[in-house]
Amino acid sequence: MTSVITGDIIDSRKQKSKDWVEGLKKILSPFGETPSQWEVYRGDEFQIEIQNPEEALLSAILIKAHLRSIKLDARMSIGFGNKTHNAEKISESNGDAFIHSGELFETLKKQKVTLAMRTGNTDIDKKMNLMLQLALTFMDNWLVQSAEFVAVAIENPTLSQEELGQKLGINQAAVSRRQKRAQFDLVMNLDRYFRTQIKQLTAP
């Protein structure tokens, strides 16, 4: 099983693309090689394969946090399933994960939702998407400082508040405030729950 994130930048035309395209590529580059594992196409759309499906949700949240920290945001759908065709470009690869991600992505605008997932298991999809909608009530409103904190905290899971503060150039009390404001503990609880659900799907 693999997972695929399909996304686009919200209101990308309001900003000069040179301001954010490089930023987006920098955010996506740790996810592997382009264009086989991730690709930016049609100017403001992107697709990434996250080969460990348990990492998919946190990866999408990390992308969102990075974008919110540069005053942007994205709509993203996460699809899970197999990969039946491995092309040189991820946008030309195929399989259930790609179909689930692509079909769901087409509905996000209508649903006015910025993040959703489809595993093919109706029960899991229903639960997870409801939880995501609740989490988006604050994630969609992260301000630059909160978003920056979330990105650094996700990328450095072993660091203490004090060490995170050194990276962000702020003291530990300020780190604690940002963590609270970003509802970061809730985000991590959501991720842990998601991982248990995906484990059920992949269990033999």
Protein backbone atom coordinates (compact mmCIF):
# COMPACT_ATOMS: atom_id res chain seq x y z
CA MET A 1 0.00 0.00 0.00
CA THR A 2 1.15 3.51 -0.76
CA SER A 3 -0.32 6.99 -0.34
CA VAL A 4 -0.56 9.95 -2.68
CA ILE A 5 -1.15 13.61 -1.82
CA THR A 6 -2.67 15.74 -4.59
CA GLY A 7 -2.83 19.47 -3.91
CA ASP A 8 -3.04 22.97 -5.24
CA ILE A 9 -2.17 26.38 -3.85
CA ILE A 10 -5.25 28.35 -2.78
CA ASP A 11 -5.58 31.79 -4.45
CA SER A 12 -2.20 31.31 -6.10
CA ARG A 13 -2.98 34.01 -8.65
CA LYS A 14 -3.11 36.63 -5.92
CA GLN A 15 0.63 36.27 -5.39
CA LYS A 16 3.53 36.41 -7.82
CA SER A 17 4.32 32.81 -8.59
CA LYS A 18 8.08 33.34 -8.32
CA ASP A 19 7.49 34.24 -4.66
CA TRP A 20 6.09 30.86 -3.78
CA VAL A 21 6.99 28.29 -6.44
CA GLU A 22 10.57 28.05 -5.15
CA GLY A 23 9.24 27.89 -1.59
CA LEU A 24 6.90 25.05 -2.55
CA LYS A 25 9.71 23.12 -4.25
CA LYS A 26 11.88 23.55 -1.17
CA ILE A 27 9.04 22.19 1.00
CA LEU A 28 8.58 19.17 -1.28
CA SER A 29 12.24 18.32 -1.92
CA PRO A 30 12.73 16.27 1.31
CA PHE A 31 10.02 13.90 0.01
CA GLY A 32 12.42 12.42 -2.55
CA GLU A 33 13.30 12.84 -6.20
CA THR A 34 11.33 14.95 -8.65
CA PRO A 35 9.45 14.12 -10.88
CA SER A 36 9.30 10.44 -9.84
CA GLN A 37 8.23 10.98 -6.19
CA TRP A 38 6.88 14.51 -6.30
CA GLU A 39 6.06 17.01 -9.00
CA VAL A 40 4.77 20.57 -9.36
CA TYR A 41 2.72 20.97 -12.53
CA ARG A 42 0.27 23.37 -14.19
CA GLY A 43 1.88 26.13 -12.16
CA ASP A 44 0.15 25.65 -8.82
CA GLU A 45 -0.70 21.95 -8.53
CA PHE A 46 1.47 19.28 -6.97
CA GLN A 47 1.50 15.58 -6.29
CA ILE A 48 3.63 13.54 -3.88
CA GLU A 49 3.89 9.85 -3.19
CA ILE A 50 4.42 9.06 0.49
CA GLN A 51 5.56 5.45 0.42
CA ASN A 52 4.90 4.83 4.10
CA PRO A 53 1.13 5.50 4.34
CA GLU A 54 1.38 6.05 8.12
CA GLU A 55 3.40 9.21 7.39
CA ALA A 56 0.84 10.65 4.96
CA LEU A 57 -1.25 12.79 7.31
CA LEU A 58 1.72 14.34 9.14
CA SER A 59 3.34 15.04 5.75
CA ALA A 60 0.24 16.91 4.57
CA ILE A 61 0.08 18.87 7.85
CA LEU A 62 3.77 19.73 7.49
CA ILE A 63 3.19 21.06 3.96
CA LYS A 64 0.25 23.09 5.23
CA ALA A 65 2.31 24.53 8.11
CA HIS A 66 5.15 25.51 5.76
CA LEU A 67 2.71 27.22 3.40
CA ARG A 68 0.84 29.02 6.19
CA SER A 69 4.22 30.30 7.42
CA ILE A 70 4.67 32.07 4.05
CA LYS A 71 1.03 33.30 4.09
CA LEU A 72 -0.24 30.69 1.65
CA ASP A 73 -2.37 27.59 1.97
CA ALA A 74 -3.22 24.50 -0.07
CA ARG A 75 -6.12 22.20 -0.74
CA MET A 76 -4.93 18.60 -0.41
CA SER A 77 -6.45 15.15 -0.80
CA ILE A 78 -4.70 12.03 0.45
CA GLY A 79 -5.45 8.78 -1.35
CA PHE A 80 -4.44 5.32 -0.17
CA GLY A 81 -4.18 2.07 -2.09
CA ASN A 82 -1.93 0.21 -4.46
CA LYS A 83 0.29 1.47 -7.25
CA THR A 84 -0.15 -0.49 -10.47
CA HIS A 85 1.87 1.63 -12.87
CA ASN A 86 5.19 3.23 -11.98
CA ALA A 87 5.91 6.02 -14.48
CA GLU A 88 8.94 8.32 -14.65
CA LYS A 89 6.67 11.19 -13.60
CA ILE A 90 4.44 10.73 -10.58
CA SER A 91 1.60 12.54 -12.41
CA GLU A 92 1.61 9.70 -14.95
CA SER A 93 1.73 6.83 -12.42
CA ASN A 94 -1.45 4.94 -11.60
CA GLY A 95 -3.25 2.69 -9.13
CA ASP A 96 -5.96 2.95 -6.46
CA ALA A 97 -3.95 5.43 -4.37
CA PHE A 98 -3.76 7.81 -7.37
CA ILE A 99 -7.43 7.35 -8.31
CA HIS A 100 -8.61 7.89 -4.71
CA SER A 101 -6.45 11.00 -4.37
CA GLY A 102 -7.40 12.46 -7.76
CA GLU A 103 -11.16 11.85 -7.53
CA LEU A 104 -11.33 13.22 -3.98
CA PHE A 105 -9.26 16.26 -4.95
CA GLU A 106 -11.85 17.21 -7.59
CA THR A 107 -14.53 17.46 -4.86
CA LEU A 108 -12.61 19.55 -2.30
CA LYS A 109 -13.51 22.96 -3.74
CA LYS A 110 -17.22 22.13 -3.70
CA GLN A 111 -16.99 20.78 -0.16
CA LYS A 112 -15.06 23.92 0.90
CA VAL A 113 -12.57 21.65 2.67
CA THR A 114 -8.78 22.05 2.48
CA LEU A 115 -7.77 18.54 3.58
CA ALA A 116 -9.49 15.17 3.22
CA MET A 117 -8.57 11.53 2.71
CA ARG A 118 -9.89 8.42 1.02
CA THR A 119 -8.69 4.95 1.98
CA GLY A 120 -11.47 2.99 0.30
CA ASN A 121 -12.71 1.90 3.75
CA THR A 122 -15.97 3.82 4.31
CA ASP A 123 -15.87 3.62 8.12
CA ILE A 124 -12.30 4.88 8.40
CA ASP A 125 -12.90 7.59 5.78
CA LYS A 126 -15.99 8.86 7.58
CA LYS A 127 -14.28 9.03 10.98
CA MET A 128 -11.01 10.52 9.75
CA ASN A 129 -12.63 13.15 7.53
CA LEU A 130 -14.90 14.31 10.34
CA MET A 131 -11.88 14.62 12.63
CA LEU A 132 -9.96 16.48 9.92
CA GLN A 133 -12.82 18.93 9.42
CA LEU A 134 -12.78 19.67 13.15
CA ALA A 135 -8.99 20.09 13.16
CA LEU A 136 -9.17 22.39 10.13
CA THR A 137 -11.27 24.85 12.15
CA PHE A 138 -7.96 25.93 13.71
CA MET A 139 -5.35 24.66 11.20
CA ASP A 140 -6.87 26.80 8.44
CA ASN A 141 -6.36 29.81 10.70
CA TRP A 142 -2.77 29.27 11.79
CA LEU A 143 -0.91 32.56 11.75
CA VAL A 144 2.69 32.75 10.55
CA GLN A 145 4.24 32.22 14.02
CA SER A 146 2.03 29.25 14.89
CA ALA A 147 2.61 27.66 11.48
CA GLU A 148 6.38 28.14 11.79
CA PHE A 149 6.32 26.45 15.18
CA VAL A 150 4.31 23.48 13.84
CA ALA A 151 6.69 22.97 10.90
CA VAL A 152 9.81 23.07 13.09
CA ALA A 153 8.22 20.82 15.74
CA ILE A 154 7.16 18.19 13.17
CA GLU A 155 10.58 18.20 11.52
CA ASN A 156 12.36 17.90 14.88
CA PRO A 157 10.22 15.52 16.92
CA THR A 158 12.92 14.77 19.51
CA LEU A 159 13.74 18.36 20.48
CA SER A 160 12.66 19.87 23.80
CA GLN A 161 10.77 23.17 23.97
CA GLU A 162 14.02 24.87 24.84
CA GLU A 163 15.79 23.44 21.78
CA LEU A 164 12.86 24.32 19.53
CA GLY A 165 13.11 27.85 20.94
CA GLN A 166 16.76 28.04 19.88
CA LYS A 167 15.78 27.07 16.33
CA LEU A 168 13.00 29.67 16.29
CA GLY A 169 15.00 32.34 18.07
CA ILE A 170 12.54 32.64 20.98
CA ASN A 171 12.52 31.63 24.65
CA GLN A 172 10.90 28.53 26.09
CA ALA A 173 7.85 30.41 27.41
CA ALA A 174 7.17 31.76 23.91
CA VAL A 175 7.50 28.24 22.49
CA SER A 176 4.97 27.00 25.00
CA ARG A 177 2.54 29.79 24.00
CA ARG A 178 2.90 29.01 20.29
CA GLN A 179 2.42 25.31 20.94
CA LYS A 180 -0.86 26.08 22.75
CA ARG A 181 -2.04 28.58 20.15
CA ALA A 182 -1.37 26.14 17.32
CA GLN A 183 -3.24 23.35 19.25
CA PHE A 184 -0.17 21.26 18.48
CA ASP A 185 -0.88 18.54 21.06
CA LEU A 186 -4.27 17.94 19.44
CA VAL A 187 -2.64 17.71 16.02
CA MET A 188 -0.25 15.04 17.30
CA ASN A 189 -3.11 13.11 18.94
CA LEU A 190 -4.96 13.18 15.62
CA ASP A 191 -1.87 11.85 13.86
CA ARG A 192 -1.46 9.04 16.39
CA TYR A 193 -5.09 8.01 15.97
CA PHE A 194 -4.74 8.13 12.17
CA ARG A 195 -1.71 5.81 12.35
CA THR A 196 -3.72 3.20 14.30
CA GLN A 197 -6.43 3.32 11.62
CA ILE A 198 -3.96 2.88 8.77
CA LYS A 199 -2.27 -0.01 10.61
CA GLN A 200 -5.66 -1.78 10.66
CA LEU A 201 -5.93 -1.35 6.90
CA THR A 202 -2.48 -2.72 6.19
CA ALA A 203 -2.64 -5.58 8.73
CA PRO A 204 -2.46 -8.97 7.01
